[in-house]
Amino acid sequence: MVEYGVAKFALPGHGESGDHHLVCCNRSGILIAAIDGLGHGEEAANASKTAAVVLKSSVGEPIISLVEECHEKLRATRGVVLSLAFIEPELGMMTWLGVGNVQGMLMRSDTKKGNVQETLLLRAGVVGSQLPGLQATVLPVVQGDTLFFATDGIRVDFSVGLSARENPQRAADRILKQYRSGNDDALVLVARLMGINP
């Protein structure tokens, strides 16, 4: 239902990256998330892994409920910023939401129909510490539309020259190589939507 690629960078001197991702399916759809634990190193990684576990265990819940549940479970951690999307292939719909600064873009496969690129509206806050008022956006999606998530270790100009036709793993590797800031953990997740009902 989704073909995806991930590229990661851990800040040198730290055992693991504080940035994690999740791609998880259930009967009704696919949950895709990019999670950035605040700071770097082990404590950041623990926070982002905890968020991933919470999301995976409740994958069928509405997206706002998922973020609220993460907020409750992450209170004892540094907290995270995250962006997530739930795709319902049967309905041809995607619901997405971002708290903090994990950039999200949707590239349309059919460039003849209006906007080629949709940008995720990000709300300032930290999941586990300061949760903003949450509002998800619902978009129609079609076969071949491609979702891009990038944590703040990737420069915001990565969105220039994105294409829904580039192989997802190649695109993730290229964006990490070209746009990595070098002063933070970084993660790029690229997911092409397949199996969407026309």
Foldseek 3Di string as FASTA:
>chain_A
DKAKAKDWDAAPPAPDFLWDWDWEDDPFWIKTKIKFQPDTHDLSVVLRVLLRVQCRVPVVDPPVVSLLSSLVSQLVGSFIWMKMWTAGQAVQKIKIWTEDDWWKKKAAQDPVPPDRIDTHDYHYDTRNGGDDDTDIDMDGHDALIKMKIKDPQFDPVLPPPDDSPDRNNVSNVVRCVPGGNSPHIMMMMMMGDHNHDD
